[in-house]
């Protein structure tokens, strides 16, 4: 994972956040439950592909995760890389 990515997290003011309504949450839950019940997520190959995509997303955006954890939790970048991102990437790839 190179650190030359120019991804930065832009802080969002609480007044700019849009909260989901109960109806939107219920609709999302129903949609996800229907997908799960269909069995599409059951095959091992599907789940491994999803984990591979998760690992790629983490690798491609690791600087954004570092920025966010530094801004939100004051977590040092190296700690984020070692304890969070690298651990998750390794776990996803070895699942």
C-alpha atoms as a PDB file:
ATOM      1  CA  UNK A   1       0.000   0.000   0.000  1.00  0.00           C
ATOM      2  CA  UNK A   2       1.678   3.175  -1.123  1.00  0.00           C
ATOM      3  CA  UNK A   3       1.158   6.392   0.763  1.00  0.00           C
ATOM      4  CA  UNK A   4       1.224   8.583  -2.350  1.00  0.00           C
ATOM      5  CA  UNK A   5      -2.557   8.671  -2.700  1.00  0.00           C
ATOM      6  CA  UNK A   6      -3.938  12.198  -2.530  1.00  0.00           C
ATOM      7  CA  UNK A   7      -7.200  11.198  -0.911  1.00  0.00           C
ATOM      8  CA  UNK A   8      -8.325  13.483   1.889  1.00  0.00           C
ATOM      9  CA  UNK A   9     -11.384  13.288   4.082  1.00  0.00           C
ATOM     10  CA  UNK A  10     -13.414  16.473   4.030  1.00  0.00           C
ATOM     11  CA  UNK A  11     -15.087  17.150   7.366  1.00  0.00           C
ATOM     12  CA  UNK A  12     -18.881  17.349   7.207  1.00  0.00           C
ATOM     13  CA  UNK A  13     -20.715  19.733   9.460  1.00  0.00           C
ATOM     14  CA  UNK A  14     -23.518  18.086  11.459  1.00  0.00           C
ATOM     15  CA  UNK A  15     -25.966  20.470   9.784  1.00  0.00           C
ATOM     16  CA  UNK A  16     -24.963  19.023   6.386  1.00  0.00           C
ATOM     17  CA  UNK A  17     -25.706  15.421   7.348  1.00  0.00           C
ATOM     18  CA  UNK A  18     -28.891  13.846   6.095  1.00  0.00           C
ATOM     19  CA  UNK A  19     -30.375  11.276   8.432  1.00  0.00           C
ATOM     20  CA  UNK A  20     -32.272   8.304   7.059  1.00  0.00           C
ATOM     21  CA  UNK A  21     -35.935   8.088   7.875  1.00  0.00           C
ATOM     22  CA  UNK A  22     -37.401   5.042   9.570  1.00  0.00           C
ATOM     23  CA  UNK A  23     -39.122   4.196   6.291  1.00  0.00           C
ATOM     24  CA  UNK A  24     -35.826   4.359   4.368  1.00  0.00           C
ATOM     25  CA  UNK A  25     -34.169   2.118   6.936  1.00  0.00           C
ATOM     26  CA  UNK A  26     -37.059  -0.354   6.782  1.00  0.00           C
ATOM     27  CA  UNK A  27     -36.901  -0.388   2.964  1.00  0.00           C
ATOM     28  CA  UNK A  28     -33.148  -0.993   2.962  1.00  0.00           C
ATOM     29  CA  UNK A  29     -33.547  -3.764   5.531  1.00  0.00           C
ATOM     30  CA  UNK A  30     -36.315  -5.394   3.480  1.00  0.00           C
ATOM     31  CA  UNK A  31     -34.236  -5.187   0.292  1.00  0.00           C
ATOM     32  CA  UNK A  32     -31.185  -6.713   1.986  1.00  0.00           C
ATOM     33  CA  UNK A  33     -33.264  -9.421   3.670  1.00  0.00           C
ATOM     34  CA  UNK A  34     -34.799 -10.330   0.309  1.00  0.00           C
ATOM     35  CA  UNK A  35     -31.344 -10.588  -1.269  1.00  0.00           C
ATOM     36  CA  UNK A  36     -30.137 -12.803   1.577  1.00  0.00           C
ATOM     37  CA  UNK A  37     -33.248 -15.005   1.398  1.00  0.00           C
ATOM     38  CA  UNK A  38     -32.761 -15.457  -2.364  1.00  0.00           C
ATOM     39  CA  UNK A  39     -29.597 -17.425  -1.652  1.00  0.00           C
ATOM     40  CA  UNK A  40     -27.380 -15.276  -3.883  1.00  0.00           C
ATOM     41  CA  UNK A  41     -25.024 -14.624  -0.964  1.00  0.00           C
ATOM     42  CA  UNK A  42     -24.758 -18.293   0.029  1.00  0.00           C
ATOM     43  CA  UNK A  43     -22.127 -19.653  -2.398  1.00  0.00           C
ATOM     44  CA  UNK A  44     -18.585 -19.580  -1.073  1.00  0.00           C
ATOM     45  CA  UNK A  45     -17.338 -18.113  -4.358  1.00  0.00           C
ATOM     46  CA  UNK A  46     -19.690 -15.133  -3.973  1.00  0.00           C
ATOM     47  CA  UNK A  47     -18.574 -14.475  -0.413  1.00  0.00           C
ATOM     48  CA  UNK A  48     -14.892 -14.746  -1.346  1.00  0.00           C
ATOM     49  CA  UNK A  49     -15.425 -12.324  -4.237  1.00  0.00           C
ATOM     50  CA  UNK A  50     -17.051  -9.862  -1.837  1.00  0.00           C
ATOM     51  CA  UNK A  51     -14.107 -10.177   0.557  1.00  0.00           C
ATOM     52  CA  UNK A  52     -11.670  -9.622  -2.321  1.00  0.00           C
ATOM     53  CA  UNK A  53     -13.557  -6.448  -3.241  1.00  0.00           C
ATOM     54  CA  UNK A  54     -13.392  -5.332   0.396  1.00  0.00           C
ATOM     55  CA  UNK A  55      -9.622  -5.874   0.417  1.00  0.00           C
ATOM     56  CA  UNK A  56      -9.248  -3.902  -2.818  1.00  0.00           C
ATOM     57  CA  UNK A  57     -11.368  -1.060  -1.469  1.00  0.00           C
ATOM     58  CA  UNK A  58      -9.263  -0.908   1.688  1.00  0.00           C
ATOM     59  CA  UNK A  59      -6.015  -0.930  -0.290  1.00  0.00           C
ATOM     60  CA  UNK A  60      -7.207   1.683  -2.782  1.00  0.00           C
ATOM     61  CA  UNK A  61      -8.531   3.996  -0.066  1.00  0.00           C
ATOM     62  CA  UNK A  62      -6.215   3.350   2.865  1.00  0.00           C
ATOM     63  CA  UNK A  63      -5.154   7.005   3.003  1.00  0.00           C
ATOM     64  CA  UNK A  64      -8.781   8.076   3.361  1.00  0.00           C
ATOM     65  CA  UNK A  65      -9.184   5.634   6.262  1.00  0.00           C
ATOM     66  CA  UNK A  66      -6.011   7.014   7.843  1.00  0.00           C
ATOM     67  CA  UNK A  67      -7.321  10.574   7.430  1.00  0.00           C
ATOM     68  CA  UNK A  68     -10.702   9.687   8.918  1.00  0.00           C
ATOM     69  CA  UNK A  69      -9.341   7.849  11.950  1.00  0.00           C
ATOM     70  CA  UNK A  70      -6.823  10.616  12.564  1.00  0.00           C
ATOM     71  CA  UNK A  71      -9.544  13.286  12.343  1.00  0.00           C
ATOM     72  CA  UNK A  72     -12.193  11.388  14.327  1.00  0.00           C
ATOM     73  CA  UNK A  73     -10.148   9.452  16.889  1.00  0.00           C
ATOM     74  CA  UNK A  74      -6.712  11.088  16.725  1.00  0.00           C
ATOM     75  CA  UNK A  75      -5.353   7.640  15.800  1.00  0.00           C
ATOM     76  CA  UNK A  76      -1.834   7.795  14.325  1.00  0.00           C
ATOM     77  CA  UNK A  77      -1.550   6.867  10.648  1.00  0.00           C
ATOM     78  CA  UNK A  78       0.916   4.038  11.261  1.00  0.00           C
ATOM     79  CA  UNK A  79      -1.362   2.517  13.891  1.00  0.00           C
ATOM     80  CA  UNK A  80      -4.310   2.737  11.507  1.00  0.00           C
ATOM     81  CA  UNK A  81      -2.300   1.093   8.740  1.00  0.00           C
ATOM     82  CA  UNK A  82      -0.977  -1.745  10.895  1.00  0.00           C
ATOM     83  CA  UNK A  83      -3.837  -2.353  13.326  1.00  0.00           C
ATOM     84  CA  UNK A  84      -6.799  -1.632  11.078  1.00  0.00           C
ATOM     85  CA  UNK A  85      -6.234  -1.585   7.322  1.00  0.00           C
ATOM     86  CA  UNK A  86      -3.487  -4.202   6.956  1.00  0.00           C
ATOM     87  CA  UNK A  87      -5.206  -6.501   9.440  1.00  0.00           C
ATOM     88  CA  UNK A  88      -8.526  -6.286   7.570  1.00  0.00           C
ATOM     89  CA  UNK A  89      -6.890  -6.752   4.163  1.00  0.00           C
ATOM     90  CA  UNK A  90      -4.991  -9.818   5.397  1.00  0.00           C
ATOM     91  CA  UNK A  91      -8.107 -11.261   7.031  1.00  0.00           C
ATOM     92  CA  UNK A  92     -10.202 -10.700   3.902  1.00  0.00           C
ATOM     93  CA  UNK A  93      -7.605 -12.254   1.608  1.00  0.00           C
ATOM     94  CA  UNK A  94      -7.079 -15.279   3.864  1.00  0.00           C
ATOM     95  CA  UNK A  95     -10.729 -16.011   4.609  1.00  0.00           C
END
